[in-house]
């Protein structure tokens, strides 16, 4: 186990992949929206159709353009985190601490009853805890989402209750949505969209999503919750007193701008353009608080993991049951895209849990595919990387156990971990948890070994050339072992 931990911890400079050229910047989204607004104000309402077509052409040209260099994207994100509200004063911190104490007082006061009475714990107390986390704000919702993916760490009933935080977090009102859309796109909702569902189809820790129809195509409109940045900042400074090793990533997550998420979507779309069975939403328009993207139909993988965690029939939530072949596809292809992000792209989806993975089932003569959602947080591994596995089989089988042991030591010793390292660890733990639920016999590290060995043995240019062949060999091995 010691050798395995050392292999996991070993790091070698991998360099940065060559970035594609900048996309055209002479027609940004906000200019198209402004032109559209002027047409609405100055001409007959019938021009709305023409103006909408012009705006769509402008934003599509941006979406089709090549993404900016990786350093530019990360620089924009860090600047967004720095240009934020000033640190809260003492009174604000005390007030926030009091609010959190009140929010968590019901589950805390009844914890003794939950300890003594399993029925109350499973049916009532876990739901109370979930409701408290939802009211507490962004950082607590994110923790609940992560915990729901770890049935090997937390009780299954607790994971099932927390799973609702993936898409059923608290929602904001219609007036806020209407105001943000009008400010972002330059026209009222009823003039821009042929149809706009007032009730959101999902709500997360940062934003909620409405389904709409724009120029005869179904789109998803993502609107950021009000006061997210301020609440996250208060959470960060408040929890520093209790957990000083907490990384500022929680605060930076709360300062997230949706236009930077749009840049992440373009970059990921570029990186995975050749993958026919993995896709990302296509950006149509974006501002700091509103993101309009293509609507991706399918079923969240968290629907199936929650059912299997509870021991009920897969698909009881309304979807058809997940076949063994489909479950294996989700796990193996999920591992493939994780390894590509890590070993080749140096850009990692930093929130890769089942609630952000959509399964698009094959039609009669098609193929299954995955759609990845919510790429607002993406970490770059510039000058950081190495092989993660070349140990003995026993250690590989205890992969998740080893990582959790390392994290326990880190916590006990009060060591602060860089956000990039934590992204790697939390993502691979979520992947391992998803595999353990959907395909228990699937060994994440053993399946990844061909790619990891090739990465360790080949120079980076050769590895980039050999990646398709090695990935194909891995898929063949996955099919044989299915």
Protein backbone atom coordinates (compact mmCIF):
# COMPACT_ATOMS: atom_id res chain seq x y z
CA UNK A 1 0.00 0.00 0.00
CA UNK A 2 2.87 2.36 0.79
CA UNK A 3 4.30 1.98 -2.70
CA UNK A 4 0.90 2.61 -4.18
CA UNK A 5 0.45 5.81 -2.16
CA UNK A 6 3.87 6.98 -3.32
CA UNK A 7 2.93 6.28 -6.92
CA UNK A 8 -0.30 8.20 -6.52
CA UNK A 9 1.54 11.11 -4.92
CA UNK A 10 4.42 11.18 -7.41
CA UNK A 11 4.23 14.12 -9.79
CA UNK A 12 6.16 14.92 -12.95
CA UNK A 13 6.03 17.96 -15.15
CA UNK A 14 3.87 17.20 -18.15
CA UNK A 15 3.87 20.60 -19.81
CA UNK A 16 0.96 22.35 -21.43
CA UNK A 17 -0.64 21.10 -24.64
CA UNK A 18 -0.51 23.49 -27.55
CA UNK A 19 -3.54 25.75 -27.35
CA UNK A 20 -5.65 26.38 -30.42
CA UNK A 21 -5.63 29.93 -31.75
CA UNK A 22 -7.89 32.56 -30.28
CA UNK A 23 -11.46 32.61 -31.47
CA UNK A 24 -12.58 35.74 -33.30
CA UNK A 25 -13.22 38.54 -30.83
CA UNK A 26 -14.71 41.19 -33.12
CA UNK A 27 -18.29 39.99 -32.59
CA UNK A 28 -18.80 39.26 -28.88
CA UNK A 29 -22.18 38.18 -27.62
CA UNK A 30 -23.01 41.42 -25.86
CA UNK A 31 -22.61 43.43 -29.09
CA UNK A 32 -25.06 41.17 -30.90
CA UNK A 33 -27.49 41.54 -28.02
CA UNK A 34 -27.12 45.34 -28.05
CA UNK A 35 -27.79 45.47 -31.80
CA UNK A 36 -30.83 43.31 -31.30
CA UNK A 37 -32.09 45.63 -28.55
CA UNK A 38 -31.73 48.70 -30.76
CA UNK A 39 -33.74 46.99 -33.50
CA UNK A 40 -36.47 46.17 -31.02
CA UNK A 41 -36.62 49.75 -29.76
CA UNK A 42 -36.48 51.54 -33.10
CA UNK A 43 -38.41 49.36 -35.55
CA UNK A 44 -41.68 47.52 -35.85
CA UNK A 45 -42.09 44.46 -33.60
CA UNK A 46 -42.04 42.27 -36.71
CA UNK A 47 -38.32 43.01 -36.93
CA UNK A 48 -37.93 40.86 -33.81
CA UNK A 49 -37.69 37.81 -36.03
CA UNK A 50 -34.98 39.34 -38.21
CA UNK A 51 -33.15 40.71 -35.19
CA UNK A 52 -33.31 37.34 -33.50
CA UNK A 53 -31.80 35.68 -36.55
CA UNK A 54 -29.02 38.26 -36.60
CA UNK A 55 -28.29 37.73 -32.91
CA UNK A 56 -28.32 33.98 -33.33
CA UNK A 57 -25.90 34.19 -36.26
CA UNK A 58 -23.59 36.36 -34.18
CA UNK A 59 -23.56 34.11 -31.16
CA UNK A 60 -23.25 30.98 -33.29
CA UNK A 61 -20.17 32.41 -34.95
CA UNK A 62 -18.69 32.87 -31.49
CA UNK A 63 -19.69 29.36 -30.44
CA UNK A 64 -18.14 27.83 -33.55
CA UNK A 65 -14.93 29.80 -33.15
CA UNK A 66 -11.85 28.27 -31.65
CA UNK A 67 -11.57 28.69 -27.89
CA UNK A 68 -9.03 31.04 -26.33
CA UNK A 69 -5.79 29.69 -24.88
CA UNK A 70 -6.06 27.83 -21.62
CA UNK A 71 -4.07 30.42 -19.69
CA UNK A 72 -6.47 33.14 -20.83
CA UNK A 73 -9.49 31.20 -19.56
CA UNK A 74 -7.90 30.52 -16.18
CA UNK A 75 -6.69 34.11 -15.95
CA UNK A 76 -10.23 35.38 -16.50
CA UNK A 77 -11.53 33.08 -13.79
CA UNK A 78 -8.92 34.12 -11.26
CA UNK A 79 -9.55 37.79 -12.06
CA UNK A 80 -13.25 37.22 -11.48
CA UNK A 81 -12.44 35.74 -8.08
CA UNK A 82 -10.19 38.63 -7.11
CA UNK A 83 -12.47 41.41 -8.33
CA UNK A 84 -15.15 40.65 -5.78
CA UNK A 85 -16.60 42.05 -2.63
CA UNK A 86 -14.32 43.11 0.19
CA UNK A 87 -13.79 40.70 3.10
CA UNK A 88 -16.79 40.82 5.43
CA UNK A 89 -16.56 42.64 8.72
CA UNK A 90 -16.74 41.12 12.18
CA UNK A 91 -20.44 41.86 12.55
CA UNK A 92 -21.23 40.14 9.24
CA UNK A 93 -19.27 37.05 10.27
CA UNK A 94 -21.00 36.87 13.63
CA UNK A 95 -24.36 37.28 11.94
CA UNK A 96 -23.57 34.52 9.47
CA UNK A 97 -22.43 32.21 12.27
CA UNK A 98 -25.72 32.83 14.09
CA UNK A 99 -27.71 32.12 10.92
CA UNK A 100 -25.84 28.86 10.34
CA UNK A 101 -26.40 27.84 13.96
CA UNK A 102 -30.14 28.42 13.55
CA UNK A 103 -30.24 26.56 10.23
CA UNK A 104 -28.51 23.49 11.64
CA UNK A 105 -30.16 23.56 15.07
CA UNK A 106 -33.05 21.17 14.16
CA UNK A 107 -30.83 18.25 13.06
CA UNK A 108 -28.34 18.99 15.86
CA UNK A 109 -31.00 19.04 18.59
CA UNK A 110 -32.56 15.82 17.32
CA UNK A 111 -29.31 13.98 16.65
CA UNK A 112 -29.67 11.99 19.88
CA UNK A 113 -33.03 10.65 18.70
CA UNK A 114 -31.56 9.81 15.29
CA UNK A 115 -28.77 7.91 17.02
CA UNK A 116 -31.20 5.82 19.09
CA UNK A 117 -34.01 5.30 16.56
CA UNK A 118 -32.95 4.05 13.08
CA UNK A 119 -36.42 4.55 11.61
CA UNK A 120 -36.42 8.24 12.56
CA UNK A 121 -32.84 8.62 11.33
CA UNK A 122 -33.50 7.13 7.90
CA UNK A 123 -36.96 8.59 7.24
CA UNK A 124 -36.79 12.00 8.93
CA UNK A 125 -33.38 13.09 10.19
CA UNK A 126 -31.48 12.70 6.90
CA UNK A 127 -34.13 14.80 5.17
CA UNK A 128 -33.78 17.46 7.86
CA UNK A 129 -30.02 17.47 7.33
CA UNK A 130 -30.50 17.82 3.56
CA UNK A 131 -32.89 20.74 4.04
CA UNK A 132 -30.41 22.47 6.37
CA UNK A 133 -27.57 22.04 3.88
CA UNK A 134 -29.77 23.45 1.11
CA UNK A 135 -30.60 26.55 3.15
CA UNK A 136 -27.01 27.06 4.31
CA UNK A 137 -25.69 28.09 0.91
CA UNK A 138 -23.40 27.18 -1.95
CA UNK A 139 -20.50 25.55 -0.11
CA UNK A 140 -22.78 23.31 1.95
CA UNK A 141 -24.80 22.27 -1.10
CA UNK A 142 -21.58 21.33 -2.90
CA UNK A 143 -20.52 19.20 0.05
CA UNK A 144 -23.91 17.47 0.06
CA UNK A 145 -23.64 16.75 -3.66
CA UNK A 146 -20.23 15.18 -3.19
CA UNK A 147 -21.31 13.16 -0.14
CA UNK A 148 -24.29 11.73 -2.04
CA UNK A 149 -21.83 10.04 -4.44
CA UNK A 150 -20.07 8.14 -1.65
CA UNK A 151 -22.33 5.30 -0.41
CA UNK A 152 -19.16 3.50 0.65
CA UNK A 153 -18.42 6.30 3.13
CA UNK A 154 -21.86 7.49 4.27
CA UNK A 155 -25.06 5.52 5.00
CA UNK A 156 -27.08 4.67 1.91
CA UNK A 157 -30.20 6.40 3.22
CA UNK A 158 -28.18 9.58 3.78
CA UNK A 159 -26.74 9.43 0.24
CA UNK A 160 -30.23 8.98 -1.19
CA UNK A 161 -31.54 12.02 0.70
CA UNK A 162 -28.58 14.19 -0.30
CA UNK A 163 -28.95 13.21 -3.97
CA UNK A 164 -31.82 15.68 -4.29
CA UNK A 165 -29.27 18.51 -4.00
CA UNK A 166 -27.99 17.68 -7.50
CA UNK A 167 -31.03 19.21 -9.17
CA UNK A 168 -33.48 20.25 -6.46
CA UNK A 169 -31.55 22.93 -4.58
CA UNK A 170 -33.48 26.06 -3.46
CA UNK A 171 -34.82 28.13 -6.35
CA UNK A 172 -35.10 31.88 -6.77
CA UNK A 173 -38.20 33.71 -7.94
CA UNK A 174 -39.40 34.51 -11.44
CA UNK A 175 -38.79 38.24 -11.11
CA UNK A 176 -35.07 37.71 -10.62
CA UNK A 177 -34.92 35.43 -13.67
CA UNK A 178 -36.85 37.92 -15.80
CA UNK A 179 -34.64 40.83 -14.75
CA UNK A 180 -31.37 38.98 -15.34
CA UNK A 181 -32.43 37.75 -18.80
CA UNK A 182 -33.54 41.24 -19.83
CA UNK A 183 -30.26 42.79 -18.67
CA UNK A 184 -28.16 40.08 -20.32
CA UNK A 185 -29.90 39.85 -23.71
CA UNK A 186 -31.29 43.35 -24.04
CA UNK A 187 -34.98 42.52 -24.42
CA UNK A 188 -37.84 41.11 -22.32
CA UNK A 189 -38.28 37.36 -22.05
CA UNK A 190 -41.57 37.30 -23.96
CA UNK A 191 -39.99 39.11 -26.92
CA UNK A 192 -36.83 37.02 -27.07
CA UNK A 193 -38.29 33.54 -26.64
CA UNK A 194 -41.26 31.86 -28.27
CA UNK A 195 -41.80 29.90 -25.08
CA UNK A 196 -40.14 30.13 -21.67
CA UNK A 197 -41.02 27.78 -18.81
CA UNK A 198 -41.27 29.79 -15.61
CA UNK A 199 -40.77 26.74 -13.44
CA UNK A 200 -37.09 25.70 -13.58
CA UNK A 201 -36.36 22.15 -14.65
CA UNK A 202 -33.41 21.98 -12.24
CA UNK A 203 -31.67 24.10 -9.63
CA UNK A 204 -28.14 23.73 -8.31
CA UNK A 205 -25.89 25.52 -5.89
CA UNK A 206 -25.07 28.40 -8.26
CA UNK A 207 -27.90 28.72 -10.76
CA UNK A 208 -31.19 27.29 -11.94
CA UNK A 209 -32.12 26.16 -15.44
CA UNK A 210 -35.24 27.00 -17.44
CA UNK A 211 -36.29 25.26 -20.64
CA UNK A 212 -37.21 27.65 -23.46
CA UNK A 213 -37.76 27.82 -27.21
CA UNK A 214 -35.62 30.27 -29.17
CA UNK A 215 -36.03 30.51 -32.96
CA UNK A 216 -37.69 27.09 -33.14
CA UNK A 217 -35.00 25.30 -31.15
CA UNK A 218 -35.23 24.10 -27.57
CA UNK A 219 -32.60 25.74 -25.37
CA UNK A 220 -31.59 25.72 -21.71
CA UNK A 221 -31.38 29.11 -20.01
CA UNK A 222 -29.17 29.10 -16.93
CA UNK A 223 -29.72 31.99 -14.51
CA UNK A 224 -27.45 32.60 -11.53
CA UNK A 225 -29.01 32.79 -8.08
CA UNK A 226 -29.00 36.20 -6.37
CA UNK A 227 -26.27 37.03 -3.82
CA UNK A 228 -24.37 33.80 -4.47
CA UNK A 229 -20.94 35.44 -4.32
CA UNK A 230 -21.63 37.23 -1.02
CA UNK A 231 -23.04 34.12 0.65
CA UNK A 232 -20.08 32.00 -0.46
CA UNK A 233 -17.64 34.62 0.77
CA UNK A 234 -19.31 34.64 4.19
CA UNK A 235 -19.26 30.83 4.27
CA UNK A 236 -15.57 30.78 3.44
CA UNK A 237 -14.51 33.24 6.14
CA UNK A 238 -16.86 31.72 8.72
CA UNK A 239 -15.62 28.17 8.21
CA UNK A 240 -11.98 29.27 8.28
CA UNK A 241 -12.28 29.50 12.06
CA UNK A 242 -13.44 25.89 12.28
CA UNK A 243 -11.36 24.45 9.42
CA UNK A 244 -8.33 26.63 8.57
CA UNK A 245 -7.07 24.17 5.94
CA UNK A 246 -10.14 24.75 3.76
CA UNK A 247 -9.07 25.87 0.31
CA UNK A 248 -10.36 29.17 -1.06
CA UNK A 249 -11.81 27.21 -3.98
CA UNK A 250 -15.18 27.19 -2.22
CA UNK A 251 -15.20 30.97 -2.25
CA UNK A 252 -14.01 31.15 -5.87
CA UNK A 253 -16.76 28.72 -6.82
CA UNK A 254 -19.33 31.14 -5.45
CA UNK A 255 -17.90 34.05 -7.45
CA UNK A 256 -18.39 32.11 -10.66
CA UNK A 257 -19.42 33.99 -13.77
CA UNK A 258 -21.51 32.18 -16.35
CA UNK A 259 -19.67 33.81 -19.25
CA UNK A 260 -16.52 32.06 -18.02
CA UNK A 261 -18.48 28.82 -17.87
CA UNK A 262 -19.28 29.48 -21.53
CA UNK A 263 -15.54 29.66 -22.25
CA UNK A 264 -15.10 26.34 -20.46
CA UNK A 265 -17.86 24.81 -22.60
CA UNK A 266 -16.17 25.99 -25.78
CA UNK A 267 -12.83 24.65 -24.64
CA UNK A 268 -14.22 21.25 -23.64
CA UNK A 269 -16.20 21.11 -26.88
CA UNK A 270 -12.97 21.71 -28.77
CA UNK A 271 -11.09 19.05 -26.79
CA UNK A 272 -13.79 16.41 -27.35
CA UNK A 273 -14.85 17.35 -30.89
CA UNK A 274 -13.65 14.00 -32.25
CA UNK A 275 -15.56 11.95 -29.66
CA UNK A 276 -18.92 11.04 -31.15
CA UNK A 277 -20.30 9.64 -27.90
CA UNK A 278 -19.31 12.50 -25.57
CA UNK A 279 -20.72 15.98 -25.97
CA UNK A 280 -21.06 19.29 -24.17
CA UNK A 281 -23.87 21.84 -24.51
CA UNK A 282 -23.35 24.36 -27.30
CA UNK A 283 -23.14 28.00 -26.20
CA UNK A 284 -25.64 30.37 -27.83
CA UNK A 285 -25.29 33.47 -25.63
CA UNK A 286 -23.68 34.30 -22.32
CA UNK A 287 -23.27 37.06 -19.75
CA UNK A 288 -22.01 37.11 -16.17
CA UNK A 289 -25.37 35.94 -14.81
CA UNK A 290 -27.13 34.24 -17.76
CA UNK A 291 -26.07 31.41 -20.06
CA UNK A 292 -28.14 30.25 -23.04
CA UNK A 293 -27.05 26.85 -24.34
CA UNK A 294 -28.38 23.95 -26.35
CA UNK A 295 -30.80 21.72 -24.49
CA UNK A 296 -29.42 18.22 -23.91
CA UNK A 297 -32.05 15.54 -23.47
CA UNK A 298 -31.36 12.42 -21.45
CA UNK A 299 -31.37 10.98 -17.95
CA UNK A 300 -29.03 12.05 -15.16
CA UNK A 301 -26.77 9.21 -14.07
CA UNK A 302 -27.55 10.20 -10.47
CA UNK A 303 -31.09 8.90 -11.05
CA UNK A 304 -29.74 5.38 -11.46
CA UNK A 305 -27.06 5.57 -8.76
CA UNK A 306 -29.65 6.74 -6.22
CA UNK A 307 -32.00 3.87 -7.10
CA UNK A 308 -29.24 1.28 -6.85
CA UNK A 309 -27.96 2.80 -3.60
CA UNK A 310 -31.42 2.33 -2.10
CA UNK A 311 -31.60 -1.19 -3.49
CA UNK A 312 -34.66 -0.51 -5.64
CA UNK A 313 -35.14 -1.24 -9.32
CA UNK A 314 -32.95 0.94 -11.52
CA UNK A 315 -35.08 3.49 -13.32
CA UNK A 316 -37.83 3.65 -10.70
CA UNK A 317 -37.64 7.43 -10.88
CA UNK A 318 -39.40 7.40 -14.27
CA UNK A 319 -36.64 6.33 -16.65
CA UNK A 320 -36.31 2.89 -18.16
CA UNK A 321 -34.13 0.51 -16.14
CA UNK A 322 -30.42 0.71 -16.84
CA UNK A 323 -29.13 -2.38 -18.64
CA UNK A 324 -25.80 -3.95 -17.77
CA UNK A 325 -24.36 -2.80 -21.10
CA UNK A 326 -25.48 0.78 -20.48
CA UNK A 327 -24.11 0.77 -16.94
CA UNK A 328 -20.75 -0.49 -18.19
CA UNK A 329 -20.74 2.19 -20.90
CA UNK A 330 -21.36 4.97 -18.37
CA UNK A 331 -18.54 3.80 -16.10
CA UNK A 332 -15.94 2.93 -18.73
CA UNK A 333 -16.58 5.99 -20.90
CA UNK A 334 -16.68 8.18 -17.82
CA UNK A 335 -13.23 6.90 -16.92
CA UNK A 336 -12.04 7.46 -20.51
CA UNK A 337 -13.00 11.12 -20.52
CA UNK A 338 -11.54 11.64 -17.04
CA UNK A 339 -8.20 10.21 -18.19
CA UNK A 340 -8.23 12.28 -21.38
CA UNK A 341 -8.80 15.45 -19.37
CA UNK A 342 -6.00 14.48 -17.01
CA UNK A 343 -3.35 13.00 -19.29
CA UNK A 344 -3.87 14.86 -22.55
CA UNK A 345 -5.87 18.06 -22.16
CA UNK A 346 -4.58 19.33 -18.80
CA UNK A 347 -8.06 20.78 -18.22
CA UNK A 348 -10.31 18.97 -15.77
CA UNK A 349 -14.05 19.25 -15.17
CA UNK A 350 -13.86 20.04 -11.46
CA UNK A 351 -17.37 18.86 -10.55
CA UNK A 352 -17.58 15.46 -12.21
CA UNK A 353 -20.29 13.69 -10.20
CA UNK A 354 -23.27 11.63 -11.47
CA UNK A 355 -25.57 14.65 -11.19
CA UNK A 356 -23.57 16.37 -13.94
CA UNK A 357 -23.43 13.39 -16.32
CA UNK A 358 -26.35 12.83 -18.68
CA UNK A 359 -26.94 9.47 -20.38
CA UNK A 360 -28.33 9.84 -23.89
CA UNK A 361 -29.61 6.38 -24.75
CA UNK A 362 -29.10 4.85 -28.16
CA UNK A 363 -31.98 4.90 -30.55
CA UNK A 364 -32.72 1.83 -32.59
CA UNK A 365 -29.55 1.91 -34.71
CA UNK A 366 -27.56 4.52 -32.84
CA UNK A 367 -25.15 4.43 -29.94
CA UNK A 368 -25.21 5.50 -26.32
CA UNK A 369 -23.60 8.83 -25.53
CA UNK A 370 -22.80 11.01 -22.54
CA UNK A 371 -23.38 14.73 -22.13
CA UNK A 372 -21.44 16.60 -19.45
CA UNK A 373 -23.14 19.51 -17.71
CA UNK A 374 -22.18 22.32 -15.35
CA UNK A 375 -18.57 22.98 -16.36
CA UNK A 376 -18.39 26.27 -14.46
CA UNK A 377 -15.50 24.97 -12.40
CA UNK A 378 -12.61 23.59 -14.43
CA UNK A 379 -9.08 23.26 -13.12
CA UNK A 380 -6.01 23.49 -15.31
CA UNK A 381 -3.04 21.24 -14.68
CA UNK A 382 -0.34 23.32 -16.32
CA UNK A 383 3.06 21.85 -15.55
CA UNK A 384 1.49 19.22 -13.25
CA UNK A 385 0.92 15.54 -13.90
CA UNK A 386 2.01 11.97 -13.69
CA UNK A 387 1.07 8.34 -13.84
CA UNK A 388 -1.26 7.33 -11.04
CA UNK A 389 -1.08 3.59 -11.02
CA UNK A 390 1.48 0.86 -11.41
CA UNK A 391 1.18 -0.95 -8.12
CA UNK A 392 0.21 -4.42 -7.07
CA UNK A 393 -3.29 -5.76 -7.60
CA UNK A 394 -4.23 -5.72 -3.92
CA UNK A 395 -3.43 -2.03 -3.62
CA UNK A 396 -5.30 -1.29 -6.84
CA UNK A 397 -8.38 -3.03 -5.51
CA UNK A 398 -8.25 -0.75 -2.46
CA UNK A 399 -7.80 2.38 -4.56
CA UNK A 400 -10.59 4.40 -2.94
CA UNK A 401 -9.61 3.18 0.52
CA UNK A 402 -6.03 4.37 0.01
CA UNK A 403 -7.12 7.81 -1.18
CA UNK A 404 -9.50 8.21 1.74
CA UNK A 405 -6.70 7.18 4.09
CA UNK A 406 -4.42 9.82 2.59
CA UNK A 407 -7.13 12.46 3.00
CA UNK A 408 -7.67 11.42 6.62
CA UNK A 409 -3.96 11.89 7.33
CA UNK A 410 -4.03 15.26 5.60
CA UNK A 411 -6.98 16.36 7.70
CA UNK A 412 -5.49 15.09 10.97
CA UNK A 413 -2.17 16.85 10.30
CA UNK A 414 -3.81 20.10 9.25
CA UNK A 415 -2.19 20.16 5.81
CA UNK A 416 -3.64 22.60 3.26
CA UNK A 417 -4.17 20.97 -0.14
CA UNK A 418 -4.06 22.89 -3.40
CA UNK A 419 -7.38 23.00 -5.24
CA UNK A 420 -5.92 21.23 -8.29
CA UNK A 421 -4.92 18.20 -6.21
CA UNK A 422 -8.32 18.14 -4.53
CA UNK A 423 -10.02 18.21 -7.92
CA UNK A 424 -8.12 15.08 -8.93
CA UNK A 425 -8.93 13.28 -5.71
CA UNK A 426 -12.61 14.20 -5.44
CA UNK A 427 -13.26 13.42 -9.10
CA UNK A 428 -11.61 10.02 -8.94
CA UNK A 429 -13.47 9.21 -5.71
CA UNK A 430 -16.76 10.15 -7.37
CA UNK A 431 -15.81 7.99 -10.35
CA UNK A 432 -14.93 5.09 -8.09
CA UNK A 433 -18.18 5.52 -6.16
CA UNK A 434 -20.21 5.59 -9.38
CA UNK A 435 -18.43 2.47 -10.63
CA UNK A 436 -18.98 0.68 -7.32
CA UNK A 437 -22.71 1.39 -7.55
CA UNK A 438 -23.38 0.72 -11.24
CA UNK A 439 -20.77 -1.98 -12.01
CA UNK A 440 -19.35 -3.28 -8.69
CA UNK A 441 -16.83 -5.61 -10.35
CA UNK A 442 -15.27 -2.79 -12.41
CA UNK A 443 -11.79 -1.87 -11.15
CA UNK A 444 -11.13 1.78 -12.00
CA UNK A 445 -7.37 1.71 -11.62
CA UNK A 446 -6.88 -1.64 -13.34
CA UNK A 447 -8.92 -0.50 -16.35
CA UNK A 448 -6.90 2.72 -16.57
CA UNK A 449 -3.52 0.98 -16.54
CA UNK A 450 -2.97 0.84 -20.36
CA UNK A 451 -3.30 4.61 -20.65
CA UNK A 452 -1.29 5.27 -17.50
CA UNK A 453 1.53 2.96 -18.60
CA UNK A 454 1.64 4.55 -22.05
CA UNK A 455 1.76 8.02 -20.53
CA UNK A 456 4.62 7.06 -18.26
CA UNK A 457 6.64 5.30 -20.99
CA UNK A 458 6.23 7.65 -23.95
CA UNK A 459 7.37 11.25 -24.44
CA UNK A 460 4.44 13.62 -24.50
CA UNK A 461 4.39 14.17 -28.33
CA UNK A 462 4.42 10.41 -28.93
CA UNK A 463 1.79 9.84 -26.26
CA UNK A 464 -0.46 12.39 -27.95
CA UNK A 465 -0.10 10.51 -31.25
CA UNK A 466 -0.58 7.10 -29.62
CA UNK A 467 -3.55 8.14 -27.47
CA UNK A 468 -6.29 7.03 -29.95
CA UNK A 469 -4.71 3.59 -30.39
CA UNK A 470 -4.15 3.05 -26.66
CA UNK A 471 -7.69 4.23 -25.90
CA UNK A 472 -9.03 1.77 -28.48
CA UNK A 473 -7.10 -1.06 -26.84
CA UNK A 474 -8.57 -0.06 -23.49
CA UNK A 475 -12.10 -0.15 -24.92
CA UNK A 476 -11.46 -3.61 -26.38
CA UNK A 477 -10.24 -4.78 -22.98
CA UNK A 478 -13.33 -3.27 -21.34
CA UNK A 479 -15.61 -5.18 -23.73
CA UNK A 480 -13.77 -8.45 -23.13
CA UNK A 481 -14.02 -8.04 -19.35
CA UNK A 482 -17.67 -6.97 -19.47
